Amino acid sequence: MIRISAYFMGRDQTHADELDDGIWANAVETVRRANLLLSKFHNDGGKARGVRSGWRPAEINAAVKGSRGSHHMSGRAVDIEDDDRALARWCAANKEVLEDAGIWMERPEATTTWIHWQTVPPGSGARYYWPSVAAYRLWVASGQQPIII
């Protein structure tokens, strides 16, 4: 389970001037929804996962080459560790759980050691989506098999 302190990663202290009530409320809701999914994953035998990236103030978002419109900046996205891809496979097999929790997910083929969840739909509206055309092309060129069909 994720704690709100793990989501903020200390940035609520170091970048307090950027953290407003709206971001805080979004973060609480994002953590709540992520914990719903992680609870079901754990009930199915999945192992604990940590936050790889939570709230990102503008300076940090720019440093990780995040998009200027990243939902991490508004507290509406979280990246969860998934080195072994067990969580990605579980999400692919349990799409209805993501729908029930109100979570959209970047295709795990684009996030090779983590899962990106967000609480707002992407422009395409797809439950599983490519973050960019470039990410899709890179994956196609790799010749890897899809995790989600």
Protein backbone atom coordinates (compact mmCIF):
# COMPACT_ATOMS: atom_id res chain seq x y z
CA MET A 1 0.00 0.00 0.00
CA ILE A 2 1.12 3.51 -0.78
CA ARG A 3 1.25 6.25 1.83
CA ILE A 4 0.71 9.86 0.83
CA SER A 5 4.20 10.65 2.15
CA ALA A 6 5.68 8.12 -0.32
CA TYR A 7 3.66 9.73 -3.11
CA PHE A 8 5.07 13.20 -2.33
CA MET A 9 8.63 11.83 -1.91
CA GLY A 10 9.55 14.79 0.34
CA ARG A 11 8.67 17.25 -2.40
CA ASP A 12 5.77 18.59 -0.34
CA GLN A 13 8.51 20.05 1.88
CA THR A 14 11.15 21.02 -0.69
CA HIS A 15 8.65 22.54 -3.13
CA ALA A 16 5.90 23.62 -0.74
CA ASP A 17 5.39 26.85 -2.68
CA GLU A 18 4.06 24.83 -5.66
CA LEU A 19 1.79 22.52 -3.66
CA ASP A 20 -1.74 23.88 -3.47
CA ASP A 21 -4.99 22.45 -2.11
CA GLY A 22 -6.04 21.18 -5.54
CA ILE A 23 -2.83 19.20 -6.05
CA TRP A 24 -3.11 17.83 -2.52
CA ALA A 25 -6.71 16.67 -3.10
CA ASN A 26 -5.76 15.11 -6.45
CA ALA A 27 -2.85 13.30 -4.81
CA VAL A 28 -5.04 11.86 -2.07
CA GLU A 29 -7.49 10.58 -4.69
CA THR A 30 -4.70 9.16 -6.87
CA VAL A 31 -3.23 7.29 -3.91
CA ARG A 32 -6.68 6.02 -2.92
CA ARG A 33 -7.33 4.61 -6.40
CA ALA A 34 -3.83 3.15 -6.72
CA ASN A 35 -4.26 1.45 -3.36
CA LEU A 36 -7.52 -0.12 -4.55
CA LEU A 37 -5.63 -1.73 -7.42
CA LEU A 38 -2.63 -2.71 -5.35
CA SER A 39 -4.87 -4.27 -2.71
CA LYS A 40 -6.51 -6.50 -5.33
CA PHE A 41 -3.10 -7.30 -6.84
CA HIS A 42 -1.81 -8.31 -3.39
CA ASN A 43 -4.95 -10.39 -2.75
CA ASP A 44 -4.12 -12.28 -5.94
CA GLY A 45 -0.63 -13.02 -4.62
CA GLY A 46 1.22 -9.99 -5.98
CA LYS A 47 4.17 -8.63 -4.03
CA ALA A 48 4.40 -5.15 -2.55
CA ARG A 49 5.32 -2.30 -4.90
CA GLY A 50 6.71 1.13 -4.18
CA VAL A 51 6.27 4.54 -5.73
CA ARG A 52 8.79 5.29 -8.42
CA SER A 53 7.43 8.77 -9.11
CA GLY A 54 4.56 10.66 -7.55
CA TRP A 55 3.97 14.39 -7.50
CA ARG A 56 6.41 16.33 -9.65
CA PRO A 57 6.93 20.05 -9.22
CA ALA A 58 7.75 21.80 -12.52
CA GLU A 59 11.52 21.77 -11.96
CA ILE A 60 11.61 18.02 -11.26
CA ASN A 61 9.24 17.23 -14.10
CA ALA A 62 11.51 19.09 -16.52
CA ALA A 63 14.56 17.24 -15.19
CA VAL A 64 13.00 13.81 -15.87
CA LYS A 65 12.00 14.93 -19.35
CA GLY A 66 8.34 14.70 -18.41
CA SER A 67 5.87 16.36 -20.70
CA ARG A 68 4.90 19.92 -19.86
CA GLY A 69 1.35 18.69 -19.37
CA SER A 70 2.27 15.68 -17.20
CA HIS A 71 -0.48 14.62 -14.83
CA HIS A 72 2.25 14.05 -12.22
CA MET A 73 2.40 17.85 -11.88
CA SER A 74 -1.26 18.07 -10.87
CA GLY A 75 -1.17 15.05 -8.53
CA ARG A 76 -3.22 12.90 -10.91
CA ALA A 77 -0.58 10.30 -11.86
CA VAL A 78 1.71 7.82 -10.16
CA ASP A 79 4.44 5.50 -11.37
CA ILE A 80 4.69 2.18 -9.54
CA GLU A 81 7.79 -0.03 -9.51
CA ASP A 82 7.40 -3.14 -11.67
CA ASP A 83 10.83 -4.55 -12.55
CA ASP A 84 9.52 -8.10 -12.95
CA ARG A 85 6.45 -7.03 -15.00
CA ALA A 86 4.13 -9.05 -12.72
CA LEU A 87 1.95 -5.99 -12.09
CA ALA A 88 1.78 -5.22 -15.82
CA ARG A 89 0.65 -8.77 -16.58
CA TRP A 90 -1.87 -8.67 -13.75
CA CYS A 91 -3.32 -5.37 -15.04
CA ALA A 92 -3.60 -6.85 -18.54
CA ALA A 93 -5.52 -9.83 -17.15
CA ASN A 94 -7.76 -7.65 -14.93
CA LYS A 95 -8.80 -4.74 -17.12
CA GLU A 96 -12.13 -4.42 -15.36
CA VAL A 97 -10.35 -3.65 -12.08
CA LEU A 98 -8.69 -0.63 -13.67
CA GLU A 99 -12.03 0.51 -15.05
CA ASP A 100 -13.74 0.08 -11.67
CA ALA A 101 -10.99 2.10 -9.97
CA GLY A 102 -11.06 4.86 -12.58
CA ILE A 103 -7.44 4.33 -13.62
CA TRP A 104 -5.90 4.72 -17.09
CA MET A 105 -2.53 3.13 -17.79
CA GLU A 106 0.28 3.74 -20.23
CA ARG A 107 1.08 0.63 -22.19
CA PRO A 108 3.67 -1.30 -20.16
CA GLU A 109 5.72 -1.82 -23.31
CA ALA A 110 6.51 1.93 -23.04
CA THR A 111 7.33 1.79 -19.32
CA THR A 112 9.75 -1.11 -19.06
CA THR A 113 10.41 -1.15 -15.30
CA TRP A 114 7.39 0.67 -13.92
CA ILE A 115 3.64 1.12 -14.36
CA HIS A 116 2.19 4.57 -15.06
CA TRP A 117 -1.35 5.06 -13.75
CA GLN A 118 -3.39 8.24 -13.98
CA THR A 119 -6.83 9.26 -12.76
CA VAL A 120 -7.82 11.16 -15.90
CA PRO A 121 -8.31 9.67 -19.35
CA PRO A 122 -5.75 10.39 -22.06
CA GLY A 123 -6.84 12.30 -25.16
CA SER A 124 -7.65 9.00 -26.89
CA GLY A 125 -9.85 7.87 -24.01
CA ALA A 126 -8.24 4.40 -24.23
CA ARG A 127 -7.85 2.52 -20.95
CA TYR A 128 -4.36 1.42 -22.12
CA TYR A 129 -2.58 3.96 -24.28
CA TRP A 130 0.77 4.81 -25.83
CA PRO A 131 2.27 7.96 -24.29
CA SER A 132 3.47 9.09 -27.71
CA VAL A 133 3.87 8.03 -31.32
CA ALA A 134 7.63 7.97 -30.73
CA ALA A 135 7.22 5.45 -27.87
CA TYR A 136 5.07 3.25 -30.08
CA ARG A 137 7.56 3.37 -32.96
CA LEU A 138 10.44 2.55 -30.64
CA TRP A 139 8.56 -0.48 -29.31
CA VAL A 140 7.67 -1.69 -32.83
CA ALA A 141 11.32 -1.40 -33.85
CA SER A 142 12.34 -3.48 -30.81
CA GLY A 143 10.39 -6.51 -32.05
CA GLN A 144 9.11 -7.28 -28.52
CA GLN A 145 5.83 -9.06 -27.91
CA PRO A 146 2.95 -7.05 -26.41
CA ILE A 147 2.04 -7.47 -22.77
CA ILE A 148 -1.52 -6.28 -23.35
CA ILE A 149 -3.48 -7.66 -26.27
